[in-house]
Amino acid sequence: NITVQCGYQTVAEMCDTICGADLCIDATHPYA
């Protein structure tokens, strides 16, 4: 049930990943 995408993303690339999702969780590092 887990699919992993690897690589730095621009905002536009994030939109490609996020759009249509029911929820986005930001669990990145506190300093990022």
Full PDB file with SEQRES, HELIX, SHEET, SSBOND, CRYST1, ORIGX, SCALE, CONECT and MASTER records, all heavy atoms in Angstrom:
SEQRES   1 A   32  ASN ILE THR VAL GLN CYS GLY TYR GLN THR VAL ALA GLU          
SEQRES   2 A   32  MET CYS ASP THR ILE CYS GLY ALA ASP LEU CYS ILE ASP          
SEQRES   3 A   32  ALA THR HIS PRO TYR ALA                                      
HELIX    1 AA1 VAL A   11  ILE A   18  1                                   8    
CRYST1    1.000    1.000    1.000  90.00  90.00  90.00 P 1           1          
ORIGX1      1.000000  0.000000  0.000000        0.00000                         
ORIGX2      0.000000  1.000000  0.000000        0.00000                         
ORIGX3      0.000000  0.000000  1.000000        0.00000                         
SCALE1      1.000000  0.000000  0.000000        0.00000                         
SCALE2      0.000000  1.000000  0.000000        0.00000                         
SCALE3      0.000000  0.000000  1.000000        0.00000                         
ATOM      1  N   ASN A   1       0.805  -1.230   0.000  1.00  0.00           N  
ATOM      2  CA  ASN A   1       0.000   0.000   0.000  1.00  0.00           C  
ATOM      3  C   ASN A   1       0.836   1.278   0.000  1.00  0.00           C  
ATOM      4  O   ASN A   1       0.271   2.371   0.079  1.00  0.00           O  
ATOM      5  CB  ASN A   1      -0.973   0.044   1.195  1.00  0.00           C  
ATOM      6  CG  ASN A   1      -1.990  -1.077   1.145  1.00  0.00           C  
ATOM      7  OD1 ASN A   1      -2.452  -1.461   0.075  1.00  0.00           O  
ATOM      8  ND2 ASN A   1      -2.323  -1.622   2.304  1.00  0.00           N  
ATOM      9  N   ILE A   2       2.166   1.149  -0.078  1.00  0.00           N  
ATOM     10  CA  ILE A   2       3.021   2.335  -0.111  1.00  0.00           C  
ATOM     11  C   ILE A   2       3.754   2.414  -1.450  1.00  0.00           C  
ATOM     12  O   ILE A   2       4.416   1.464  -1.863  1.00  0.00           O  
ATOM     13  CB  ILE A   2       4.047   2.330   1.038  1.00  0.00           C  
ATOM     14  CG1 ILE A   2       3.351   2.473   2.390  1.00  0.00           C  
ATOM     15  CG2 ILE A   2       5.056   3.473   0.855  1.00  0.00           C  
ATOM     16  CD1 ILE A   2       4.290   2.448   3.576  1.00  0.00           C  
ATOM     17  N   THR A   3       3.611   3.563  -2.106  1.00  0.00           N  
ATOM     18  CA  THR A   3       4.363   3.858  -3.323  1.00  0.00           C  
ATOM     19  C   THR A   3       5.325   5.000  -3.008  1.00  0.00           C  
ATOM     20  O   THR A   3       4.928   6.004  -2.413  1.00  0.00           O  
ATOM     21  CB  THR A   3       3.426   4.287  -4.463  1.00  0.00           C  
ATOM     22  OG1 THR A   3       2.498   3.227  -4.730  1.00  0.00           O  
ATOM     23  CG2 THR A   3       4.221   4.590  -5.727  1.00  0.00           C  
ATOM     24  N   VAL A   4       6.578   4.844  -3.387  1.00  0.00           N  
ATOM     25  CA  VAL A   4       7.595   5.849  -3.060  1.00  0.00           C  
ATOM     26  C   VAL A   4       8.022   6.598  -4.318  1.00  0.00           C  
ATOM     27  O   VAL A   4       8.368   5.980  -5.331  1.00  0.00           O  
ATOM     28  CB  VAL A   4       8.820   5.206  -2.393  1.00  0.00           C  
ATOM     29  CG1 VAL A   4       9.860   6.280  -2.048  1.00  0.00           C  
ATOM     30  CG2 VAL A   4       8.415   4.454  -1.128  1.00  0.00           C  
ATOM     31  N   GLN A   5       7.985   7.924  -4.251  1.00  0.00           N  
ATOM     32  CA  GLN A   5       8.536   8.778  -5.293  1.00  0.00           C  
ATOM     33  C   GLN A   5       9.802   9.432  -4.757  1.00  0.00           C  
ATOM     34  O   GLN A   5       9.797   9.929  -3.629  1.00  0.00           O  
ATOM     35  CB  GLN A   5       7.528   9.851  -5.718  1.00  0.00           C  
ATOM     36  CG  GLN A   5       6.287   9.311  -6.405  1.00  0.00           C  
ATOM     37  CD  GLN A   5       5.377  10.430  -6.893  1.00  0.00           C  
ATOM     38  OE1 GLN A   5       5.715  11.610  -6.805  1.00  0.00           O  
ATOM     39  NE2 GLN A   5       4.218  10.063  -7.404  1.00  0.00           N  
ATOM     40  N   CYS A   6      10.854   9.451  -5.552  1.00  0.00           N  
ATOM     41  CA  CYS A   6      12.146   9.970  -5.090  1.00  0.00           C  
ATOM     42  C   CYS A   6      12.593  11.130  -5.959  1.00  0.00           C  
ATOM     43  O   CYS A   6      12.518  11.059  -7.189  1.00  0.00           O  
ATOM     44  CB  CYS A   6      13.183   8.847  -5.115  1.00  0.00           C  
ATOM     45  SG  CYS A   6      14.806   9.336  -4.500  1.00  0.00           S  
ATOM     46  N   GLY A   7      13.054  12.187  -5.319  1.00  0.00           N  
ATOM     47  CA  GLY A   7      13.600  13.325  -6.038  1.00  0.00           C  
ATOM     48  C   GLY A   7      13.050  14.642  -5.518  1.00  0.00           C  
ATOM     49  O   GLY A   7      11.927  14.708  -5.015  1.00  0.00           O  
ATOM     50  N   TYR A   8      13.863  15.697  -5.633  1.00  0.00           N  
ATOM     51  CA  TYR A   8      13.405  17.025  -5.236  1.00  0.00           C  
ATOM     52  C   TYR A   8      12.341  17.498  -6.208  1.00  0.00           C  
ATOM     53  O   TYR A   8      12.438  17.272  -7.412  1.00  0.00           O  
ATOM     54  CB  TYR A   8      14.581  17.998  -5.214  1.00  0.00           C  
ATOM     55  CG  TYR A   8      15.586  17.720  -4.117  1.00  0.00           C  
ATOM     56  CD1 TYR A   8      16.714  16.949  -4.364  1.00  0.00           C  
ATOM     57  CD2 TYR A   8      15.392  18.225  -2.834  1.00  0.00           C  
ATOM     58  CE1 TYR A   8      17.628  16.680  -3.351  1.00  0.00           C  
ATOM     59  CE2 TYR A   8      16.296  17.967  -1.823  1.00  0.00           C  
ATOM     60  CZ  TYR A   8      17.413  17.190  -2.093  1.00  0.00           C  
ATOM     61  OH  TYR A   8      18.310  16.918  -1.081  1.00  0.00           O  
ATOM     62  N   GLN A   9      11.312  18.177  -5.697  1.00  0.00           N  
ATOM     63  CA  GLN A   9      10.204  18.624  -6.523  1.00  0.00           C  
ATOM     64  C   GLN A   9      10.023  20.131  -6.438  1.00  0.00           C  
ATOM     65  O   GLN A   9      10.138  20.721  -5.365  1.00  0.00           O  
ATOM     66  CB  GLN A   9       8.894  17.945  -6.087  1.00  0.00           C  
ATOM     67  CG  GLN A   9       8.857  16.441  -6.285  1.00  0.00           C  
ATOM     68  CD  GLN A   9       7.510  15.857  -5.873  1.00  0.00           C  
ATOM     69  OE1 GLN A   9       6.594  16.576  -5.474  1.00  0.00           O  
ATOM     70  NE2 GLN A   9       7.383  14.542  -5.977  1.00  0.00           N  
ATOM     71  N   THR A  10       9.736  20.734  -7.596  1.00  0.00           N  
ATOM     72  CA  THR A  10       9.306  22.129  -7.612  1.00  0.00           C  
ATOM     73  C   THR A  10       7.850  22.187  -7.177  1.00  0.00           C  
ATOM     74  O   THR A  10       7.185  21.156  -7.030  1.00  0.00           O  
ATOM     75  CB  THR A  10       9.436  22.704  -9.026  1.00  0.00           C  
ATOM     76  OG1 THR A  10       8.544  21.986  -9.897  1.00  0.00           O  
ATOM     77  CG2 THR A  10      10.873  22.565  -9.553  1.00  0.00           C  
ATOM     78  N   VAL A  11       7.336  23.398  -6.988  1.00  0.00           N  
ATOM     79  CA  VAL A  11       5.929  23.540  -6.618  1.00  0.00           C  
ATOM     80  C   VAL A  11       5.038  22.950  -7.708  1.00  0.00           C  
ATOM     81  O   VAL A  11       4.044  22.267  -7.423  1.00  0.00           O  
ATOM     82  CB  VAL A  11       5.568  25.022  -6.374  1.00  0.00           C  
ATOM     83  CG1 VAL A  11       4.063  25.180  -6.158  1.00  0.00           C  
ATOM     84  CG2 VAL A  11       6.334  25.562  -5.172  1.00  0.00           C  
ATOM     85  N   ALA A  12       5.402  23.182  -8.964  1.00  0.00           N  
ATOM     86  CA  ALA A  12       4.609  22.635 -10.073  1.00  0.00           C  
ATOM     87  C   ALA A  12       4.615  21.113 -10.043  1.00  0.00           C  
ATOM     88  O   ALA A  12       3.577  20.472 -10.277  1.00  0.00           O  
ATOM     89  CB  ALA A  12       5.148  23.150 -11.399  1.00  0.00           C  
ATOM     90  N   GLU A  13       5.760  20.530  -9.757  1.00  0.00           N  
ATOM     91  CA  GLU A  13       5.847  19.066  -9.685  1.00  0.00           C  
ATOM     92  C   GLU A  13       5.080  18.541  -8.477  1.00  0.00           C  
ATOM     93  O   GLU A  13       4.489  17.457  -8.538  1.00  0.00           O  
ATOM     94  CB  GLU A  13       7.312  18.641  -9.640  1.00  0.00           C  
ATOM     95  CG  GLU A  13       8.033  18.877 -10.958  1.00  0.00           C  
ATOM     96  CD  GLU A  13       9.542  18.732 -10.844  1.00  0.00           C  
ATOM     97  OE1 GLU A  13      10.090  18.901  -9.731  1.00  0.00           O  
ATOM     98  OE2 GLU A  13      10.183  18.466 -11.875  1.00  0.00           O  
ATOM     99  N   MET A  14       5.109  19.293  -7.382  1.00  0.00           N  
ATOM    100  CA  MET A  14       4.310  18.910  -6.222  1.00  0.00           C  
ATOM    101  C   MET A  14       2.827  18.911  -6.571  1.00  0.00           C  
ATOM    102  O   MET A  14       2.070  18.019  -6.164  1.00  0.00           O  
ATOM    103  CB  MET A  14       4.583  19.846  -5.047  1.00  0.00           C  
ATOM    104  CG  MET A  14       5.939  19.663  -4.396  1.00  0.00           C  
ATOM    105  SD  MET A  14       6.213  20.871  -3.071  1.00  0.00           S  
ATOM    106  CE  MET A  14       7.793  20.298  -2.430  1.00  0.00           C  
ATOM    107  N   CYS A  15       2.400  19.906  -7.343  1.00  0.00           N  
ATOM    108  CA  CYS A  15       1.002  19.969  -7.754  1.00  0.00           C  
ATOM    109  C   CYS A  15       0.618  18.736  -8.565  1.00  0.00           C  
ATOM    110  O   CYS A  15      -0.484  18.196  -8.398  1.00  0.00           O  
ATOM    111  CB  CYS A  15       0.737  21.231  -8.568  1.00  0.00           C  
ATOM    112  SG  CYS A  15       0.684  22.755  -7.588  1.00  0.00           S  
ATOM    113  N   ASP A  16       1.518  18.290  -9.441  1.00  0.00           N  
ATOM    114  CA  ASP A  16       1.245  17.085 -10.225  1.00  0.00           C  
ATOM    115  C   ASP A  16       1.017  15.879  -9.320  1.00  0.00           C  
ATOM    116  O   ASP A  16       0.198  15.003  -9.619  1.00  0.00           O  
ATOM    117  CB  ASP A  16       2.409  16.792 -11.180  1.00  0.00           C  
ATOM    118  CG  ASP A  16       2.514  17.811 -12.307  1.00  0.00           C  
ATOM    119  OD1 ASP A  16       1.489  18.480 -12.588  1.00  0.00           O  
ATOM    120  OD2 ASP A  16       3.603  17.933 -12.897  1.00  0.00           O  
ATOM    121  N   THR A  17       1.751  15.838  -8.210  1.00  0.00           N  
ATOM    122  CA  THR A  17       1.631  14.720  -7.271  1.00  0.00           C  
ATOM    123  C   THR A  17       0.413  14.860  -6.369  1.00  0.00           C  
ATOM    124  O   THR A  17      -0.294  13.885  -6.096  1.00  0.00           O  
ATOM    125  CB  THR A  17       2.900  14.623  -6.397  1.00  0.00           C  
ATOM    126  OG1 THR A  17       4.045  14.433  -7.241  1.00  0.00           O  
ATOM    127  CG2 THR A  17       2.811  13.462  -5.416  1.00  0.00           C  
ATOM    128  N   ILE A  18       0.155  16.088  -5.916  1.00  0.00           N  
ATOM    129  CA  ILE A  18      -0.855  16.320  -4.886  1.00  0.00           C  
ATOM    130  C   ILE A  18      -2.267  16.441  -5.439  1.00  0.00           C  
ATOM    131  O   ILE A  18      -3.228  15.982  -4.809  1.00  0.00           O  
ATOM    132  CB  ILE A  18      -0.492  17.597  -4.082  1.00  0.00           C  
ATOM    133  CG1 ILE A  18       0.787  17.368  -3.279  1.00  0.00           C  
ATOM    134  CG2 ILE A  18      -1.638  18.006  -3.159  1.00  0.00           C  
ATOM    135  CD1 ILE A  18       1.335  18.640  -2.645  1.00  0.00           C  
ATOM    136  N   CYS A  19      -2.426  17.074  -6.598  1.00  0.00           N  
ATOM    137  CA  CYS A  19      -3.764  17.360  -7.110  1.00  0.00           C  
ATOM    138  C   CYS A  19      -4.607  16.089  -7.212  1.00  0.00           C  
ATOM    139  O   CYS A  19      -4.158  15.072  -7.733  1.00  0.00           O  
ATOM    140  CB  CYS A  19      -3.681  18.054  -8.464  1.00  0.00           C  
ATOM    141  SG  CYS A  19      -3.242  19.797  -8.325  1.00  0.00           S  
ATOM    142  N   GLY A  20      -5.801  16.164  -6.683  1.00  0.00           N  
ATOM    143  CA  GLY A  20      -6.696  15.019  -6.676  1.00  0.00           C  
ATOM    144  C   GLY A  20      -6.614  14.184  -5.418  1.00  0.00           C  
ATOM    145  O   GLY A  20      -7.416  13.269  -5.217  1.00  0.00           O  
ATOM    146  N   ALA A  21      -5.644  14.504  -4.546  1.00  0.00           N  
ATOM    147  CA  ALA A  21      -5.504  13.747  -3.296  1.00  0.00           C  
ATOM    148  C   ALA A  21      -6.561  14.183  -2.291  1.00  0.00           C  
ATOM    149  O   ALA A  21      -7.099  15.293  -2.363  1.00  0.00           O  
ATOM    150  CB  ALA A  21      -4.112  13.952  -2.708  1.00  0.00           C  
ATOM    151  N   ASP A  22      -6.841  13.296  -1.355  1.00  0.00           N  
ATOM    152  CA  ASP A  22      -7.782  13.617  -0.285  1.00  0.00           C  
ATOM    153  C   ASP A  22      -7.095  14.326   0.871  1.00  0.00           C  
ATOM    154  O   ASP A  22      -7.735  15.028   1.658  1.00  0.00           O  
ATOM    155  CB  ASP A  22      -8.442  12.331   0.238  1.00  0.00           C  
ATOM    156  CG  ASP A  22      -9.307  11.673  -0.811  1.00  0.00           C  
ATOM    157  OD1 ASP A  22     -10.483  12.042  -0.931  1.00  0.00           O  
ATOM    158  OD2 ASP A  22      -8.788  10.803  -1.532  1.00  0.00           O  
ATOM    159  N   LEU A  23      -5.774  14.130   0.972  1.00  0.00           N  
ATOM    160  CA  LEU A  23      -5.017  14.737   2.071  1.00  0.00           C  
ATOM    161  C   LEU A  23      -3.544  14.734   1.714  1.00  0.00           C  
ATOM    162  O   LEU A  23      -3.040  13.789   1.099  1.00  0.00           O  
ATOM    163  CB  LEU A  23      -5.231  13.946   3.368  1.00  0.00           C  
ATOM    164  CG  LEU A  23      -4.473  14.440   4.608  1.00  0.00           C  
ATOM    165  CD1 LEU A  23      -5.000  15.803   5.055  1.00  0.00           C  
ATOM    166  CD2 LEU A  23      -4.596  13.424   5.748  1.00  0.00           C  
ATOM    167  N   CYS A  24      -2.851  15.800   2.115  1.00  0.00           N  
ATOM    168  CA  CYS A  24      -1.392  15.858   1.989  1.00  0.00           C  
ATOM    169  C   CYS A  24      -0.797  16.059   3.382  1.00  0.00           C  
ATOM    170  O   CYS A  24      -1.203  16.978   4.104  1.00  0.00           O  
ATOM    171  CB  CYS A  24      -0.954  16.992   1.067  1.00  0.00           C  
ATOM    172  SG  CYS A  24       0.844  17.145   0.909  1.00  0.00           S  
ATOM    173  N   ILE A  25       0.129  15.198   3.744  1.00  0.00           N  
ATOM    174  CA  ILE A  25       0.785  15.266   5.053  1.00  0.00           C  
ATOM    175  C   ILE A  25       2.235  15.701   4.855  1.00  0.00           C  
ATOM    176  O   ILE A  25       2.975  15.085   4.080  1.00  0.00           O  
ATOM    177  CB  ILE A  25       0.740  13.905   5.765  1.00  0.00           C  
ATOM    178  CG1 ILE A  25      -0.706  13.444   5.952  1.00  0.00           C  
ATOM    179  CG2 ILE A  25       1.459  13.985   7.116  1.00  0.00           C  
ATOM    180  CD1 ILE A  25      -0.831  12.011   6.419  1.00  0.00           C  
ATOM    181  N   ASP A  26       2.619  16.741   5.542  1.00  0.00           N  
ATOM    182  CA  ASP A  26       3.989  17.259   5.477  1.00  0.00           C  
ATOM    183  C   ASP A  26       4.749  16.761   6.703  1.00  0.00           C  
ATOM    184  O   ASP A  26       4.584  17.282   7.802  1.00  0.00           O  
ATOM    185  CB  ASP A  26       3.959  18.786   5.433  1.00  0.00           C  
ATOM    186  CG  ASP A  26       5.339  19.421   5.455  1.00  0.00           C  
ATOM    187  OD1 ASP A  26       6.344  18.675   5.410  1.00  0.00           O  
ATOM    188  OD2 ASP A  26       5.410  20.664   5.514  1.00  0.00           O  
ATOM    189  N   ALA A  27       5.569  15.734   6.491  1.00  0.00           N  
ATOM    190  CA  ALA A  27       6.377  15.180   7.579  1.00  0.00           C  
ATOM    191  C   ALA A  27       7.858  15.398   7.283  1.00  0.00           C  
ATOM    192  O   ALA A  27       8.699  14.569   7.634  1.00  0.00           O  
ATOM    193  CB  ALA A  27       6.082  13.691   7.756  1.00  0.00           C  
ATOM    194  N   THR A  28       8.170  16.522   6.655  1.00  0.00           N  
ATOM    195  CA  THR A  28       9.567  16.834   6.369  1.00  0.00           C  
ATOM    196  C   THR A  28      10.254  17.345   7.631  1.00  0.00           C  
ATOM    197  O   THR A  28       9.626  17.608   8.651  1.00  0.00           O  
ATOM    198  CB  THR A  28       9.670  17.879   5.240  1.00  0.00           C  
ATOM    199  OG1 THR A  28       8.953  19.061   5.622  1.00  0.00           O  
ATOM    200  CG2 THR A  28       9.093  17.319   3.947  1.00  0.00           C  
ATOM    201  N   HIS A  29      11.561  17.522   7.540  1.00  0.00           N  
ATOM    202  CA  HIS A  29      12.375  17.894   8.695  1.00  0.00           C  
ATOM    203  C   HIS A  29      11.983  19.273   9.220  1.00  0.00           C  
ATOM    204  O   HIS A  29      11.605  20.162   8.438  1.00  0.00           O  
ATOM    205  CB  HIS A  29      13.858  17.890   8.300  1.00  0.00           C  
ATOM    206  CG  HIS A  29      14.781  17.876   9.456  1.00  0.00           C  
ATOM    207  ND1 HIS A  29      15.208  19.030  10.083  1.00  0.00           N  
ATOM    208  CD2 HIS A  29      15.375  16.847  10.114  1.00  0.00           C  
ATOM    209  CE1 HIS A  29      16.021  18.713  11.069  1.00  0.00           C  
ATOM    210  NE2 HIS A  29      16.140  17.402  11.120  1.00  0.00           N  
ATOM    211  N   PRO A  30      12.053  19.485  10.534  1.00  0.00           N  
ATOM    212  CA  PRO A  30      11.675  20.794  11.106  1.00  0.00           C  
ATOM    213  C   PRO A  30      12.452  21.971  10.538  1.00  0.00           C  
ATOM    214  O   PRO A  30      11.969  23.105  10.595  1.00  0.00           O  
ATOM    215  CB  PRO A  30      11.980  20.619  12.604  1.00  0.00           C  
ATOM    216  CG  PRO A  30      11.945  19.157  12.841  1.00  0.00           C  
ATOM    217  CD  PRO A  30      12.413  18.508  11.580  1.00  0.00           C  
ATOM    218  N   TYR A  31      13.656  21.728  10.003  1.00  0.00           N  
ATOM    219  CA  TYR A  31      14.472  22.813   9.469  1.00  0.00           C  
ATOM    220  C   TYR A  31      14.302  22.992   7.959  1.00  0.00           C  
ATOM    221  O   TYR A  31      14.923  23.888   7.382  1.00  0.00           O  
ATOM    222  CB  TYR A  31      15.946  22.579   9.796  1.00  0.00           C  
ATOM    223  CG  TYR A  31      16.282  22.795  11.262  1.00  0.00           C  
ATOM    224  CD1 TYR A  31      16.009  21.822  12.200  1.00  0.00           C  
ATOM    225  CD2 TYR A  31      16.869  23.975  11.703  1.00  0.00           C  
ATOM    226  CE1 TYR A  31      16.304  22.006  13.549  1.00  0.00           C  
ATOM    227  CE2 TYR A  31      17.176  24.180  13.044  1.00  0.00           C  
ATOM    228  CZ  TYR A  31      16.889  23.182  13.956  1.00  0.00           C  
ATOM    229  OH  TYR A  31      17.188  23.370  15.292  1.00  0.00           O  
ATOM    230  N   ALA A  32      13.478  22.170   7.323  1.00  0.00           N  
ATOM    231  CA  ALA A  32      13.283  22.244   5.871  1.00  0.00           C  
ATOM    232  C   ALA A  32      12.214  23.282   5.544  1.00  0.00           C  
ATOM    233  O   ALA A  32      11.142  22.968   5.008  1.00  0.00           O  
ATOM    234  CB  ALA A  32      12.911  20.873   5.323  1.00  0.00           C  
TER     235      ALA A  32                                                      
MASTER        0    0    0    1    0    0    0    6  234    1    0    3          
END                                                                             
